[in-house]
Amino acid sequence: MKIIIVFGTETGESEFVAGDISDALGDRHEVVVENMKNVDIGSLDFNALYIVVCSTYGEGGMPSSAMPFYKALSKRRPNLSSLSYAMFGRGDSTYTETYSQGSEHIDRILSELGAVRYGEYGREDASDWDAPEDLAIEWAEELIEIVETGNEGVA
C-alpha cells in the first residue's frame, strides 16, 4: 500500500511524529513523508492513503506549514471523493476550547471536499506524559489494520 504522510508543524515536532510513523510502516509499505507547505493539491495521489499529522498553534490555529495546503484546498475546492485519509491531531488539552483544533481545520476541509477519513481520529495530548511517537505508532498500526480489512472505521 502506498502511504503519503503529510505534516503541518510550527516547531518541527509534527515532522518528528510523521517520521516515526514512516519508520514504523516503511518496512511493509511504500511510505513518503512531505511537509504540507510543499504539497501540490493538483498532484494528489488518489491511489494512496494520506496520513495527516498536524499540530495546533496559538489559540486553535493551524501551524504555518499547514496554511498553504489549507488555503489551496479552500480556494480551488477540488473534488476529493476518491481521496482516503486519516488524521492525527496534536495539541494540549489544558487549552480545552482549542485542543487539537489545528488538525480539525484540515479535517473539515478534506471532509467538505468529499475525502473519506479512515479509522479513529488520532490525538496526542502534550499535557500528558505519553510519548507522542508511541501514541502515533500504535494509532497508525491500528489504522493500517482497518484499511487493509476494508473497513472505514469511525469517521
Protein backbone atom coordinates (compact mmCIF):
# COMPACT_ATOMS: atom_id res chain seq x y z
CA MET A 1 0.00 0.00 0.00
CA LYS A 2 1.24 3.48 -0.78
CA ILE A 3 1.06 5.84 2.19
CA ILE A 4 1.73 9.55 2.00
CA ILE A 5 2.26 11.18 5.36
CA VAL A 6 1.79 14.94 5.28
CA PHE A 7 2.54 17.07 8.30
CA GLY A 8 1.76 20.57 9.46
CA THR A 9 4.11 21.97 12.06
CA GLU A 10 5.26 25.16 13.71
CA THR A 11 8.17 23.88 15.79
CA GLY A 12 9.10 20.66 13.97
CA GLU A 13 7.53 18.21 16.41
CA SER A 14 4.89 17.00 13.94
CA GLU A 15 7.65 16.30 11.44
CA PHE A 16 9.31 14.03 14.01
CA VAL A 17 5.99 12.24 14.65
CA ALA A 18 5.45 11.81 10.89
CA GLY A 19 8.95 10.35 10.61
CA ASP A 20 8.27 7.91 13.44
CA ILE A 21 5.11 6.70 11.72
CA SER A 22 7.05 6.35 8.47
CA ASP A 23 9.76 4.32 10.19
CA ALA A 24 7.17 2.02 11.75
CA LEU A 25 5.28 1.38 8.49
CA GLY A 26 8.08 1.67 5.95
CA ASP A 27 9.22 -1.95 6.10
CA ARG A 28 5.80 -3.15 4.89
CA HIS A 29 4.54 -0.26 2.76
CA GLU A 30 5.74 2.37 0.34
CA VAL A 31 5.82 5.50 2.52
CA VAL A 32 6.52 9.11 1.59
CA VAL A 33 6.69 11.98 4.10
CA GLU A 34 6.03 15.55 2.99
CA ASN A 35 5.58 18.91 4.65
CA MET A 36 2.09 20.25 3.90
CA LYS A 37 3.61 23.52 2.69
CA ASN A 38 5.11 21.57 -0.24
CA VAL A 39 2.03 19.56 -1.22
CA ASP A 40 0.70 20.37 -4.69
CA ILE A 41 -3.04 19.73 -4.45
CA GLY A 42 -3.17 19.36 -8.21
CA SER A 43 -0.95 16.28 -7.90
CA LEU A 44 -2.68 14.40 -5.10
CA ASP A 45 -2.36 10.63 -5.47
CA PHE A 46 -5.84 9.14 -5.25
CA ASN A 47 -4.37 5.62 -5.06
CA ALA A 48 -2.56 6.37 -1.80
CA LEU A 49 -3.69 6.64 1.79
CA TYR A 50 -2.86 10.06 3.21
CA ILE A 51 -1.97 10.23 6.87
CA VAL A 52 -2.21 13.80 8.13
CA VAL A 53 -0.20 14.77 11.22
CA CYS A 54 -0.98 18.32 12.31
CA SER A 55 -0.30 20.36 15.40
CA THR A 56 -2.22 23.31 16.82
CA TYR A 57 -0.65 26.73 17.09
CA GLY A 58 -1.66 29.68 19.22
CA GLU A 59 -5.33 29.76 20.09
CA GLY A 60 -6.55 26.86 17.99
CA GLY A 61 -4.93 27.84 14.71
CA MET A 62 -3.11 25.81 12.15
CA PRO A 63 0.67 25.79 12.12
CA SER A 64 2.28 27.93 9.43
CA SER A 65 3.37 24.97 7.32
CA ALA A 66 -0.25 23.75 7.03
CA MET A 67 -1.63 27.08 5.84
CA PRO A 68 -0.63 26.82 2.12
CA PHE A 69 -2.29 23.40 1.87
CA TYR A 70 -5.45 24.60 3.59
CA LYS A 71 -5.63 27.80 1.52
CA ALA A 72 -5.11 25.94 -1.76
CA LEU A 73 -7.89 23.47 -0.92
CA SER A 74 -10.21 26.29 0.16
CA LYS A 75 -9.58 28.34 -2.98
CA ARG A 76 -9.56 25.60 -5.62
CA ARG A 77 -12.13 23.29 -3.94
CA PRO A 78 -11.20 20.10 -5.85
CA ASN A 79 -13.39 17.02 -5.76
CA LEU A 80 -11.66 14.73 -3.27
CA SER A 81 -14.28 11.97 -3.18
CA SER A 82 -11.63 9.45 -4.28
CA LEU A 83 -9.12 10.50 -1.62
CA SER A 84 -8.61 8.39 1.51
CA TYR A 85 -7.03 9.90 4.59
CA ALA A 86 -6.54 9.52 8.31
CA MET A 87 -5.99 12.26 10.88
CA PHE A 88 -3.58 12.51 13.81
CA GLY A 89 -4.01 15.78 15.68
CA ARG A 90 -1.61 17.24 18.17
CA GLY A 91 -2.39 19.71 20.92
CA ASP A 92 -2.58 20.42 24.63
CA SER A 93 -5.84 19.62 26.42
CA THR A 94 -5.17 22.21 29.12
CA TYR A 95 -6.44 24.58 26.41
CA THR A 96 -9.86 22.92 26.49
CA GLU A 97 -11.60 25.14 23.94
CA THR A 98 -8.86 24.90 21.32
CA TYR A 99 -7.39 21.44 21.93
CA SER A 100 -6.25 19.84 18.68
CA GLN A 101 -8.07 22.47 16.59
CA GLY A 102 -5.22 22.89 14.09
CA SER A 103 -5.85 19.41 12.73
CA GLU A 104 -9.60 19.86 12.85
CA HIS A 105 -9.39 22.72 10.34
CA ILE A 106 -7.66 20.35 7.90
CA ASP A 107 -10.09 17.53 8.68
CA ARG A 108 -13.10 19.77 7.98
CA ILE A 109 -11.87 20.99 4.59
CA LEU A 110 -10.95 17.47 3.46
CA SER A 111 -14.37 16.21 4.54
CA GLU A 112 -16.18 19.14 2.87
CA LEU A 113 -14.43 18.29 -0.39
CA GLY A 114 -15.55 14.65 -0.20
CA ALA A 115 -12.43 12.87 1.10
CA VAL A 116 -13.08 9.74 3.17
CA ARG A 117 -11.50 9.52 6.61
CA TYR A 118 -10.47 6.09 7.81
CA GLY A 119 -10.14 4.96 11.40
CA GLU A 120 -10.35 6.82 14.66
CA TYR A 121 -9.27 10.43 14.81
CA GLY A 122 -5.89 10.07 16.49
CA ARG A 123 -4.90 12.67 19.06
CA GLU A 124 -1.81 13.40 21.08
CA ASP A 125 -2.16 15.45 24.24
CA ALA A 126 1.01 17.34 25.12
CA SER A 127 -0.23 17.77 28.70
CA ASP A 128 0.11 14.07 29.49
CA TRP A 129 3.34 12.13 29.78
CA ASP A 130 2.79 9.68 26.93
CA ALA A 131 5.50 9.76 24.28
CA PRO A 132 3.99 11.18 21.08
CA GLU A 133 5.81 8.70 18.87
CA ASP A 134 4.46 5.74 20.85
CA LEU A 135 0.88 7.04 20.58
CA ALA A 136 1.26 7.80 16.88
CA ILE A 137 2.78 4.43 16.02
CA GLU A 138 0.11 2.49 17.93
CA TRP A 139 -2.61 4.58 16.25
CA ALA A 140 -1.04 4.09 12.78
CA GLU A 141 -0.76 0.32 13.24
CA GLU A 142 -4.47 0.13 14.15
CA LEU A 143 -5.31 2.36 11.19
CA ILE A 144 -3.47 0.15 8.71
CA GLU A 145 -5.30 -2.90 10.03
CA ILE A 146 -8.62 -1.12 9.45
CA VAL A 147 -7.64 -0.07 5.92
CA GLU A 148 -6.31 -3.50 4.97
CA THR A 149 -9.51 -5.20 6.11
CA GLY A 150 -11.54 -2.78 4.00
CA ASN A 151 -13.40 -1.10 6.85
CA GLU A 152 -13.62 2.65 7.08
CA GLY A 153 -13.88 2.52 10.82
CA VAL A 154 -15.19 5.56 12.63
CA ALA A 155 -15.38 8.70 10.56
